[in-house]
Amino acid sequence: MTRVVSLFLPTWPTDRVRRMLGGAAPSRETSLILVGRDGRRRVVHAADAAAQRAGLRVGMAASKAQALVGDLIVRDADPDADLAALDRLALWALKRYAPIVAADPPDGLVIDASGATHLHGGEAAMLEDMVQRLGAAGITTRAAMADTWGAAHALARFGARPTVVLPAGASAEAIMPLPIAALRLPIDIIDSLRRLGLDRIADLEATPRAPLALRFGPEPGRRLDQAMQRLSEPINPIRAPEIAEVRRAFGEPVAAAETIARYLAKLVSELCALLEARGEGARRLDLIYHRVDAHLAAVRVGMAAPVREVRRLTRLLTDKIETIDPGFGIELMRLAATSAEPLNAKQAVSDLGAPPDVDITDLIDTLSNRIGGERLYRFASVQSDVPERAVRRVAPASLDDGESWPGSWPRPSRLLPTPEPIETVALLPDHPPVTFTWRGIRHRVKRADGPERVFGEWWKRDAELSTVRDYFQVENDAGERFWLYRTGDGENAETGSQRWFLHGIFG
């Protein structure tokens, strides 16, 4: 199932200029336009959101724009630099999101996200992450995911919402109400179709093809079929010279899994030799295969640390062969290390008495490529006395920073995401509960230890200036151990509400 993402960058030229200016860039509330030449006239080539709100439009005379907006910032347009920056943005998306990415000039990217969404928490999470990251970089973005490039392109630019994820199989129906300009047709064809009363894609779909092709050529029908998934539209992925890549073309198409695995091993061997000459190891490998029906598909695997071990990389890729659909056959396979880092030779242990190095990155790679990298993590400590703030998730192979939790008071093996209120019978101010009721079950406390007083972090939050929590470890009749706390010191109301909560469970 093909899933395509289209990213629309409506103010890309002005966003690029603002990023280039850095700290000297004008504020977002100040109108900015880029001007270029149209014959002998100076016209607006691009306008940012503030300029558009002020009534400035692309194609307007620059002198008129300056007359309408007093504090207007005017800079020269540079379309070549815009396209070059768009290619660099495509390379960033290639390394971060999916193996098949291309610039969609003049103001967008197209990404074949098939088989890569699970690595980013699903389709909606992947799209949201793209929009947030680009927004944090000062780039306004609208995004859509659909079954085809044409449908995603149309929804990103003409959809009602800034992010749209269409369910599989729903693209054709969703684009019907959109204007025909969403089909990426030349402007003269769009104007001619409108004069005939064909305003929406549904109108074009209902028109007989023969007279349409006779008058406008094959372009309207071709774009419509591509958007409706009746005609394939391959994406030519961007590649940079610095990316290590090997390829193998076949005289006869291959389709058997055993044959694919055999040539895959040869490609991995060639790529590892190339990486060794560079002194690098692969952090991410992309296998792109070209089918005889002009369809491109890809497999991506990631590694927790730089690797150029042929056997290990081959195994990770061959685990993905079952996801490869060869169709009528594969005529070309390309293997690229889209992310590589320096990897130097390491001395093996020579002292028989020395303990062997424990390397679990192979296991991490196997698991993360099966279930998704975001689902694999380990906990690390944070310098905070408040228990729920003292834990963070880090990558499973990240280096140990030496920080740990204080050992004076034990912590439960399971900390609840949110402390749950409980009903208790307890003497104030410092006694543990005699009984407590949690989730409708009453527990009689047999043993208890505490209190461990935790003060609020007043240097982070003013509201915690005088707040405290008193934690108790308690054990019930059945031997189950819980971590309870009371907000407040049991005497003064300003230290807390004096309510009780269950915060964790010991193993």
Protein backbone atom coordinates (compact mmCIF):
# COMPACT_ATOMS: atom_id res chain seq x y z
CA MET A 1 0.00 0.00 0.00
CA THR A 2 1.51 3.28 -1.13
CA ARG A 3 1.33 6.24 1.24
CA VAL A 4 2.59 9.60 0.04
CA VAL A 5 3.19 12.78 2.02
CA SER A 6 3.08 16.19 0.39
CA LEU A 7 4.54 19.13 2.31
CA PHE A 8 3.38 22.56 1.15
CA LEU A 9 5.55 25.53 2.15
CA PRO A 10 3.37 28.53 1.20
CA THR A 11 5.92 31.19 2.19
CA TRP A 12 9.11 29.27 1.45
CA PRO A 13 11.12 32.12 -0.24
CA THR A 14 10.49 34.60 2.60
CA ASP A 15 10.96 31.92 5.28
CA ARG A 16 14.32 31.06 3.69
CA VAL A 17 15.38 34.71 3.71
CA ARG A 18 14.41 35.07 7.37
CA ARG A 19 16.44 31.98 8.29
CA MET A 20 19.39 33.29 6.30
CA LEU A 21 19.27 36.63 8.15
CA GLY A 22 19.22 34.89 11.53
CA GLY A 23 19.17 37.40 14.38
CA ALA A 24 19.00 40.32 11.94
CA ALA A 25 15.72 39.08 10.45
CA PRO A 26 12.68 41.35 10.79
CA SER A 27 9.93 40.28 13.17
CA ARG A 28 7.02 38.15 11.94
CA GLU A 29 4.72 41.14 12.32
CA THR A 30 6.77 43.16 9.81
CA SER A 31 5.79 42.68 6.17
CA LEU A 32 8.49 41.23 3.93
CA ILE A 33 8.36 40.86 0.15
CA LEU A 34 10.86 39.61 -2.43
CA VAL A 35 10.87 41.40 -5.77
CA GLY A 36 12.10 40.33 -9.18
CA ARG A 37 11.94 41.40 -12.82
CA ASP A 38 9.04 40.72 -15.17
CA GLY A 39 10.32 42.28 -18.35
CA ARG A 40 11.02 45.88 -17.41
CA ARG A 41 8.70 45.85 -14.39
CA ARG A 42 9.69 45.12 -10.81
CA VAL A 43 7.02 42.88 -9.37
CA VAL A 44 6.42 41.06 -6.11
CA HIS A 45 7.88 37.55 -6.40
CA ALA A 46 6.99 36.37 -2.88
CA ALA A 47 5.17 37.82 0.13
CA ASP A 48 5.14 36.59 3.70
CA ALA A 49 2.01 36.14 5.82
CA ALA A 50 2.13 39.69 7.23
CA ALA A 51 2.41 41.17 3.74
CA GLN A 52 -0.49 39.04 2.51
CA ARG A 53 -2.63 40.21 5.43
CA ALA A 54 -1.79 43.78 4.38
CA GLY A 55 -3.20 43.09 0.93
CA LEU A 56 0.02 42.46 -1.00
CA ARG A 57 -0.04 39.72 -3.63
CA VAL A 58 2.45 37.93 -5.87
CA GLY A 59 2.60 39.64 -9.29
CA MET A 60 1.77 43.10 -7.91
CA ALA A 61 4.02 45.97 -8.94
CA ALA A 62 6.72 46.55 -6.34
CA SER A 63 6.12 50.32 -6.35
CA LYS A 64 2.44 49.77 -5.56
CA ALA A 65 3.30 47.42 -2.71
CA GLN A 66 5.66 49.99 -1.20
CA ALA A 67 2.97 52.64 -1.48
CA LEU A 68 0.41 50.45 0.32
CA VAL A 69 2.60 49.40 3.27
CA GLY A 70 4.78 52.00 4.91
CA ASP A 71 7.30 49.87 6.86
CA LEU A 72 7.61 47.22 4.15
CA ILE A 73 10.88 45.26 4.00
CA VAL A 74 11.92 44.68 0.36
CA ARG A 75 14.63 42.27 -0.78
CA ASP A 76 15.65 40.83 -4.11
CA ALA A 77 14.22 37.46 -5.03
CA ASP A 78 16.61 34.58 -5.77
CA PRO A 79 14.68 31.63 -7.28
CA ASP A 80 17.86 29.59 -7.80
CA ALA A 81 18.75 29.87 -4.11
CA ASP A 82 15.18 28.90 -3.23
CA LEU A 83 15.44 25.71 -5.30
CA ALA A 84 18.88 24.86 -3.88
CA ALA A 85 17.56 25.31 -0.34
CA LEU A 86 14.55 23.15 -1.19
CA ASP A 87 16.93 20.36 -2.24
CA ARG A 88 18.77 20.68 1.06
CA LEU A 89 15.47 20.45 2.88
CA ALA A 90 14.65 17.31 0.89
CA LEU A 91 17.97 15.77 2.01
CA TRP A 92 17.08 16.57 5.62
CA ALA A 93 13.72 14.81 5.20
CA LEU A 94 15.45 11.88 3.48
CA LYS A 95 17.78 11.35 6.43
CA ARG A 96 15.03 11.75 9.00
CA TYR A 97 11.82 10.29 7.66
CA ALA A 98 11.83 8.03 4.59
CA PRO A 99 14.11 6.68 1.84
CA ILE A 100 12.22 8.21 -1.09
CA VAL A 101 12.05 12.01 -0.91
CA ALA A 102 12.09 14.61 -3.66
CA ALA A 103 11.70 18.34 -3.96
CA ASP A 104 8.34 19.41 -5.39
CA PRO A 105 9.27 22.86 -6.69
CA PRO A 106 8.68 25.65 -6.25
CA ASP A 107 7.22 25.29 -2.75
CA GLY A 108 7.03 21.74 -1.48
CA LEU A 109 8.41 18.28 -0.85
CA VAL A 110 6.99 14.88 -1.68
CA ILE A 111 7.80 11.85 0.47
CA ASP A 112 6.95 8.21 -0.13
CA ALA A 113 6.22 7.19 3.45
CA SER A 114 5.24 3.59 2.67
CA GLY A 115 6.64 1.28 5.31
CA ALA A 116 8.24 4.11 7.29
CA THR A 117 5.34 5.53 9.30
CA HIS A 118 5.59 2.95 12.10
CA LEU A 119 9.11 4.19 12.83
CA HIS A 120 7.65 7.58 13.74
CA GLY A 121 4.64 6.52 15.81
CA GLY A 122 2.12 6.20 12.97
CA GLU A 123 0.90 8.33 10.09
CA ALA A 124 -0.66 11.16 12.10
CA ALA A 125 2.29 11.36 14.49
CA MET A 126 4.75 11.41 11.59
CA LEU A 127 2.89 14.25 9.88
CA GLU A 128 2.57 16.21 13.10
CA ASP A 129 6.28 15.78 13.79
CA MET A 130 7.15 17.15 10.34
CA VAL A 131 4.95 20.22 10.78
CA GLN A 132 6.23 20.91 14.29
CA ARG A 133 9.90 20.58 13.37
CA LEU A 134 9.58 22.81 10.33
CA GLY A 135 7.50 25.28 12.32
CA ALA A 136 10.18 25.41 15.01
CA ALA A 137 12.66 26.28 12.25
CA GLY A 138 10.45 29.17 11.15
CA ILE A 139 9.00 27.43 8.08
CA THR A 140 5.24 27.59 7.62
CA THR A 141 4.00 24.16 6.54
CA ARG A 142 0.80 22.42 5.49
CA ALA A 143 0.90 18.65 5.04
CA ALA A 144 -1.26 15.84 3.72
CA MET A 145 -0.90 12.07 3.46
CA ALA A 146 -2.83 10.11 0.87
CA ASP A 147 -2.55 7.14 -1.49
CA THR A 148 -1.06 9.15 -4.37
CA TRP A 149 1.23 12.07 -4.94
CA GLY A 150 -1.52 13.94 -6.80
CA ALA A 151 -4.10 13.55 -4.03
CA ALA A 152 -1.64 14.49 -1.27
CA HIS A 153 -0.45 17.50 -3.29
CA ALA A 154 -4.03 18.68 -3.80
CA LEU A 155 -5.09 18.28 -0.17
CA ALA A 156 -1.97 19.97 1.22
CA ARG A 157 -2.65 23.07 -0.89
CA PHE A 158 -6.43 23.17 -1.09
CA GLY A 159 -7.56 21.17 1.97
CA ALA A 160 -9.46 22.87 4.78
CA ARG A 161 -7.05 21.74 7.51
CA PRO A 162 -3.29 22.34 7.79
CA THR A 163 -2.65 18.61 8.25
CA VAL A 164 -4.72 15.87 6.63
CA VAL A 165 -4.28 12.10 6.89
CA LEU A 166 -6.63 10.30 4.53
CA PRO A 167 -7.41 6.64 5.22
CA ALA A 168 -6.20 4.21 2.57
CA GLY A 169 -8.59 4.02 -0.35
CA ALA A 170 -10.32 7.34 0.42
CA SER A 171 -8.22 9.64 -1.78
CA ALA A 172 -10.43 9.61 -4.89
CA GLU A 173 -13.57 10.64 -3.04
CA ALA A 174 -11.76 13.27 -0.93
CA ILE A 175 -10.38 15.27 -3.87
CA MET A 176 -13.65 15.44 -5.83
CA PRO A 177 -14.85 18.75 -4.27
CA LEU A 178 -11.44 20.45 -4.81
CA PRO A 179 -10.89 22.96 -7.65
CA ILE A 180 -9.21 21.74 -10.83
CA ALA A 181 -6.18 23.93 -9.99
CA ALA A 182 -5.32 21.22 -7.44
CA LEU A 183 -4.42 18.83 -10.30
CA ARG A 184 -1.07 20.51 -11.13
CA LEU A 185 -2.24 21.55 -14.59
CA PRO A 186 -0.73 24.46 -16.56
CA ILE A 187 -2.47 27.75 -15.88
CA ASP A 188 -3.69 28.18 -19.47
CA ILE A 189 -5.44 24.78 -19.37
CA ILE A 190 -7.01 25.64 -16.01
CA ASP A 191 -8.37 28.93 -17.41
CA SER A 192 -9.75 27.18 -20.48
CA LEU A 193 -11.42 24.47 -18.39
CA ARG A 194 -13.02 27.09 -16.17
CA ARG A 195 -14.42 28.91 -19.18
CA LEU A 196 -16.13 25.62 -20.08
CA GLY A 197 -17.71 25.49 -16.63
CA LEU A 198 -15.40 22.79 -15.24
CA ASP A 199 -14.51 24.23 -11.83
CA ARG A 200 -14.11 21.16 -9.66
CA ILE A 201 -12.29 17.85 -10.07
CA ALA A 202 -15.67 16.11 -9.95
CA ASP A 203 -16.73 18.08 -13.04
CA LEU A 204 -13.61 16.95 -14.88
CA GLU A 205 -14.12 13.34 -13.82
CA ALA A 206 -17.67 13.41 -15.22
CA THR A 207 -16.55 14.79 -18.60
CA PRO A 208 -16.00 12.32 -21.48
CA ARG A 209 -12.27 11.82 -22.09
CA ALA A 210 -12.18 11.81 -25.90
CA PRO A 211 -13.33 15.42 -26.53
CA LEU A 212 -11.26 16.57 -23.56
CA ALA A 213 -8.09 15.01 -24.96
CA LEU A 214 -8.87 16.30 -28.44
CA ARG A 215 -9.03 19.88 -27.17
CA PHE A 216 -6.46 19.97 -24.34
CA GLY A 217 -4.20 17.01 -25.06
CA PRO A 218 -3.48 14.14 -22.65
CA GLU A 219 -2.43 16.29 -19.67
CA PRO A 220 -5.82 16.73 -17.89
CA GLY A 221 -6.60 13.01 -18.12
CA ARG A 222 -3.08 12.02 -17.04
CA ARG A 223 -3.10 14.22 -13.93
CA LEU A 224 -6.59 13.04 -13.04
CA ASP A 225 -5.61 9.37 -13.38
CA GLN A 226 -2.48 9.91 -11.30
CA ALA A 227 -4.46 11.53 -8.50
CA MET A 228 -7.12 8.79 -8.65
CA GLN A 229 -4.45 6.02 -8.49
CA ARG A 230 -5.30 4.74 -11.96
CA LEU A 231 -1.86 5.67 -13.29
CA SER A 232 1.49 5.22 -11.57
CA GLU A 233 3.59 8.29 -10.77
CA PRO A 234 7.08 7.35 -9.57
CA ILE A 235 9.03 9.73 -7.35
CA ASN A 236 12.63 10.30 -8.39
CA PRO A 237 14.39 10.40 -5.01
CA ILE A 238 17.01 13.01 -4.31
CA ARG A 239 20.54 11.84 -3.65
CA ALA A 240 23.61 13.75 -2.52
CA PRO A 241 27.17 13.00 -3.70
CA GLU A 242 28.37 12.53 -0.12
CA ILE A 243 25.99 9.61 0.44
CA ALA A 244 27.71 6.25 -0.02
CA GLU A 245 25.68 4.23 -2.49
CA VAL A 246 26.07 1.06 -4.55
CA ARG A 247 23.74 -0.35 -7.16
CA ARG A 248 23.17 -3.45 -9.23
CA ALA A 249 21.18 -3.68 -12.45
CA PHE A 250 19.80 -7.00 -13.66
CA GLY A 251 19.70 -8.19 -17.23
CA GLU A 252 16.60 -10.17 -16.37
CA PRO A 253 14.17 -9.04 -13.65
CA VAL A 254 14.47 -10.91 -10.34
CA ALA A 255 11.56 -11.73 -8.07
CA ALA A 256 12.43 -14.77 -5.92
CA ALA A 257 13.24 -14.00 -2.30
CA GLU A 258 16.36 -16.20 -2.42
CA THR A 259 17.69 -14.30 -5.44
CA ILE A 260 16.99 -10.94 -3.82
CA ALA A 261 18.77 -12.07 -0.64
CA ARG A 262 21.82 -13.25 -2.60
CA TYR A 263 22.27 -9.95 -4.43
CA LEU A 264 21.49 -8.05 -1.26
CA ALA A 265 24.47 -9.68 0.42
CA LYS A 266 26.69 -8.65 -2.49
CA LEU A 267 25.47 -5.06 -2.29
CA VAL A 268 26.08 -4.93 1.46
CA SER A 269 29.61 -6.25 0.96
CA GLU A 270 30.35 -3.58 -1.65
CA LEU A 271 28.86 -0.83 0.53
CA CYS A 272 30.86 -1.90 3.59
CA ALA A 273 34.06 -1.77 1.54
CA LEU A 274 33.14 1.76 0.46
CA LEU A 275 32.40 2.78 4.06
CA GLU A 276 35.67 1.26 5.27
CA ALA A 277 37.62 3.33 2.76
CA ARG A 278 35.88 6.40 4.19
CA GLY A 279 36.41 5.35 7.81
CA GLU A 280 32.67 5.37 8.44
CA GLY A 281 29.94 3.07 9.67
CA ALA A 282 26.29 3.09 8.64
CA ARG A 283 23.60 4.37 11.01
CA ARG A 284 20.83 3.99 8.44
CA LEU A 285 20.56 1.94 5.24
CA ASP A 286 18.03 2.46 2.45
CA LEU A 287 17.36 -0.26 -0.10
CA ILE A 288 15.49 1.12 -3.10
CA TYR A 289 14.31 -1.30 -5.75
CA HIS A 290 13.05 -0.35 -9.16
CA ARG A 291 10.37 -2.63 -10.55
CA VAL A 292 9.80 -3.22 -14.25
CA ASP A 293 6.42 -1.45 -13.99
CA ALA A 294 8.22 1.86 -13.18
CA HIS A 295 7.28 1.56 -9.52
CA LEU A 296 9.83 2.44 -6.81
CA ALA A 297 9.72 1.02 -3.32
CA ALA A 298 12.13 1.06 -0.43
CA VAL A 299 13.19 -0.67 2.75
CA ARG A 300 14.88 1.22 5.56
CA VAL A 301 16.79 -0.15 8.54
CA GLY A 302 18.45 1.83 11.30
CA MET A 303 21.28 1.02 13.67
CA ALA A 304 21.88 2.21 17.22
CA ALA A 305 25.59 2.75 16.55
CA PRO A 306 27.80 2.98 13.42
CA VAL A 307 28.14 -0.47 11.83
CA ARG A 308 29.95 -1.85 8.78
CA GLU A 309 29.76 -5.53 9.63
CA VAL A 310 28.58 -7.32 6.48
CA ARG A 311 26.87 -10.22 8.20
CA ARG A 312 24.96 -8.06 10.64
CA LEU A 313 23.74 -5.55 8.05
CA THR A 314 22.77 -8.33 5.65
CA ARG A 315 20.69 -10.00 8.33
CA LEU A 316 18.86 -6.77 9.17
CA LEU A 317 17.98 -6.21 5.52
CA THR A 318 17.02 -9.81 4.74
CA ASP A 319 14.61 -9.69 7.70
CA LYS A 320 12.71 -7.15 5.61
CA ILE A 321 12.53 -9.20 2.40
CA GLU A 322 9.05 -10.40 3.26
CA THR A 323 7.88 -6.79 2.99
CA ILE A 324 9.24 -6.44 -0.57
CA ASP A 325 6.67 -6.73 -3.33
CA PRO A 326 8.66 -7.45 -6.52
CA GLY A 327 5.59 -7.21 -8.75
CA PHE A 328 6.58 -8.44 -12.23
CA GLY A 329 10.23 -8.27 -11.27
CA ILE A 330 13.00 -5.98 -10.01
CA GLU A 331 15.40 -4.55 -12.58
CA LEU A 332 17.59 -2.36 -10.35
CA MET A 333 18.53 -2.35 -6.68
CA ARG A 334 20.25 0.58 -4.94
CA LEU A 335 21.66 0.41 -1.44
CA ALA A 336 22.67 3.66 0.25
CA ALA A 337 23.99 4.61 3.67
CA THR A 338 21.88 7.75 4.08
CA SER A 339 23.26 8.25 7.56
CA ALA A 340 26.87 7.39 8.36
CA GLU A 341 29.23 8.33 11.16
CA PRO A 342 33.00 7.91 11.74
CA LEU A 343 33.91 4.39 12.81
CA ASN A 344 37.49 3.57 13.65
CA ALA A 345 39.01 0.15 14.16
CA LYS A 346 38.93 -0.95 17.80
CA GLN A 347 41.47 -3.12 19.57
CA ALA A 348 40.01 -6.42 20.68
CA VAL A 349 40.56 -7.59 24.25
CA SER A 350 44.00 -9.26 24.46
CA ASP A 351 44.18 -9.90 28.20
CA LEU A 352 42.59 -13.27 28.98
CA GLY A 353 41.71 -12.05 32.45
CA ALA A 354 39.96 -8.90 31.28
CA PRO A 355 36.16 -8.97 31.14
CA PRO A 356 34.74 -9.02 27.60
CA ASP A 357 33.01 -5.95 26.25
CA VAL A 358 29.27 -6.31 26.39
CA ASP A 359 27.67 -5.01 23.20
CA ILE A 360 23.89 -5.16 23.00
CA THR A 361 23.52 -2.86 19.99
CA ASP A 362 22.94 -5.90 17.74
CA LEU A 363 19.91 -6.86 19.85
CA ILE A 364 18.72 -3.23 19.90
CA ASP A 365 18.95 -3.04 16.11
CA THR A 366 16.98 -6.25 15.66
CA LEU A 367 14.20 -5.20 18.00
CA SER A 368 13.94 -1.58 16.89
CA ASN A 369 13.68 -2.54 13.21
CA ARG A 370 10.88 -4.96 14.03
CA ILE A 371 8.76 -2.94 16.46
CA GLY A 372 9.90 0.64 15.79
CA GLY A 373 12.71 2.64 17.32
CA GLU A 374 10.40 4.90 19.34
CA ARG A 375 9.13 1.88 21.30
CA LEU A 376 12.58 0.96 22.52
CA TYR A 377 14.14 3.11 25.23
CA ARG A 378 15.68 3.04 28.69
CA PHE A 379 15.20 5.25 31.70
CA ALA A 380 17.73 7.78 32.90
CA SER A 381 17.71 9.98 35.95
CA VAL A 382 17.01 13.70 36.11
CA GLN A 383 18.18 15.87 38.99
CA SER A 384 14.84 16.46 40.69
CA ASP A 385 13.37 15.54 44.08
CA VAL A 386 9.85 15.25 42.66
CA PRO A 387 9.53 11.58 41.59
CA GLU A 388 7.61 12.10 38.34
CA ARG A 389 10.21 14.63 37.19
CA ALA A 390 13.21 12.50 38.11
CA VAL A 391 12.84 10.12 35.15
CA ARG A 392 13.30 10.61 31.42
CA ARG A 393 13.42 8.33 28.40
CA VAL A 394 16.65 8.08 26.43
CA ALA A 395 17.79 6.03 23.45
CA PRO A 396 18.64 2.47 24.47
CA ALA A 397 22.25 2.75 23.33
CA SER A 398 22.90 6.24 24.67
CA LEU A 399 25.97 6.65 26.89
CA ASP A 400 25.55 6.49 30.66
CA ASP A 401 26.14 9.96 32.13
CA GLY A 402 26.90 8.53 35.59
CA GLU A 403 23.86 10.16 37.20
CA SER A 404 21.58 7.97 39.30
CA TRP A 405 18.73 8.18 41.75
CA PRO A 406 19.44 8.67 45.49
CA GLY A 407 19.71 5.34 47.28
CA SER A 408 18.67 6.47 50.76
CA TRP A 409 15.00 5.72 50.09
CA PRO A 410 13.96 2.96 47.68
CA ARG A 411 11.81 3.83 44.70
CA PRO A 412 8.99 1.61 43.31
CA SER A 413 9.61 -0.40 40.16
CA ARG A 414 6.37 0.94 38.68
CA LEU A 415 5.51 4.62 38.93
CA LEU A 416 1.95 5.45 37.94
CA PRO A 417 1.65 8.03 35.12
CA THR A 418 -0.60 10.12 37.35
CA PRO A 419 -0.94 9.73 41.14
CA GLU A 420 -4.35 8.21 41.95
CA PRO A 421 -6.41 9.49 44.91
CA ILE A 422 -7.13 7.02 47.73
CA GLU A 423 -9.27 6.99 50.83
CA THR A 424 -7.31 6.42 54.07
CA VAL A 425 -7.62 6.15 57.81
CA ALA A 426 -4.51 7.71 59.34
CA LEU A 427 -3.42 9.71 62.35
CA LEU A 428 -1.98 13.15 61.71
CA PRO A 429 0.58 14.48 61.33
CA ASP A 430 3.25 11.80 60.81
CA HIS A 431 1.60 8.38 60.96
CA PRO A 432 1.13 6.10 57.97
CA PRO A 433 -2.40 4.97 57.05
CA VAL A 434 -3.95 2.10 58.96
CA THR A 435 -6.10 1.24 55.96
CA PHE A 436 -6.55 2.67 52.47
CA THR A 437 -8.97 2.07 49.61
CA TRP A 438 -7.66 2.08 46.05
CA ARG A 439 -9.77 1.32 42.97
CA GLY A 440 -12.60 0.07 45.18
CA ILE A 441 -10.46 -2.40 47.13
CA ARG A 442 -9.72 -1.86 50.81
CA HIS A 443 -6.20 -2.69 51.99
CA ARG A 444 -5.18 -3.15 55.62
CA VAL A 445 -1.63 -1.91 56.23
CA LYS A 446 0.53 -4.45 58.01
CA ARG A 447 3.90 -2.69 57.82
CA ALA A 448 4.96 0.83 56.89
CA ASP A 449 8.04 2.99 56.63
CA GLY A 450 8.23 6.77 56.39
CA PRO A 451 7.62 9.56 56.05
CA GLU A 452 10.09 10.70 53.40
CA ARG A 453 9.46 14.40 53.01
CA VAL A 454 9.78 15.83 49.48
CA PHE A 455 9.73 19.59 49.12
CA GLY A 456 8.43 21.50 46.13
CA GLU A 457 10.89 22.88 43.60
CA TRP A 458 10.28 26.54 44.34
CA TRP A 459 13.16 27.59 42.09
CA LYS A 460 11.22 26.19 39.12
CA ARG A 461 7.62 27.01 40.06
CA ASP A 462 6.43 29.77 42.39
CA ALA A 463 3.38 27.74 43.39
CA GLU A 464 5.64 25.13 45.02
CA LEU A 465 7.28 27.56 47.43
CA SER A 466 5.78 25.96 50.54
CA THR A 467 4.35 22.66 49.27
CA VAL A 468 5.53 19.31 50.61
CA ARG A 469 4.71 15.64 50.17
CA ASP A 470 5.15 12.94 52.80
CA TYR A 471 5.82 9.54 51.19
CA PHE A 472 5.24 6.16 52.92
CA GLN A 473 6.10 2.63 51.85
CA VAL A 474 3.32 0.35 53.04
CA GLU A 475 2.71 -3.40 52.86
CA ASN A 476 -0.75 -4.99 53.10
CA ASP A 477 -1.83 -8.33 54.50
CA ALA A 478 -1.16 -10.07 51.17
CA GLY A 479 2.45 -8.84 51.03
CA GLU A 480 1.79 -6.27 48.31
CA ARG A 481 3.84 -3.10 48.68
CA PHE A 482 2.69 0.36 47.68
CA TRP A 483 4.09 3.88 47.61
CA LEU A 484 1.65 6.40 49.10
CA TYR A 485 1.95 10.07 49.82
CA ARG A 486 0.01 12.81 51.51
CA THR A 487 0.11 16.34 50.13
CA GLY A 488 1.03 18.69 52.97
CA ASP A 489 2.79 18.21 56.27
CA GLY A 490 -0.36 17.10 58.12
CA GLU A 491 -0.64 20.36 60.07
CA ASN A 492 -0.48 23.47 57.90
CA ALA A 493 -2.99 23.96 55.08
CA GLU A 494 -0.60 26.11 53.05
CA THR A 495 1.71 23.11 52.55
CA GLY A 496 -0.91 21.08 50.70
CA SER A 497 -4.48 19.76 50.63
CA GLN A 498 -3.68 16.90 53.10
CA ARG A 499 -5.20 14.41 50.62
CA TRP A 500 -3.70 10.98 50.04
CA PHE A 501 -2.54 9.49 46.74
CA LEU A 502 -1.05 6.20 45.53
CA HIS A 503 1.98 6.92 43.34
CA GLY A 504 3.76 3.62 42.75
CA ILE A 505 3.88 -0.14 43.22
CA PHE A 506 6.91 -2.12 44.32
CA GLY A 507 7.71 -5.34 42.50
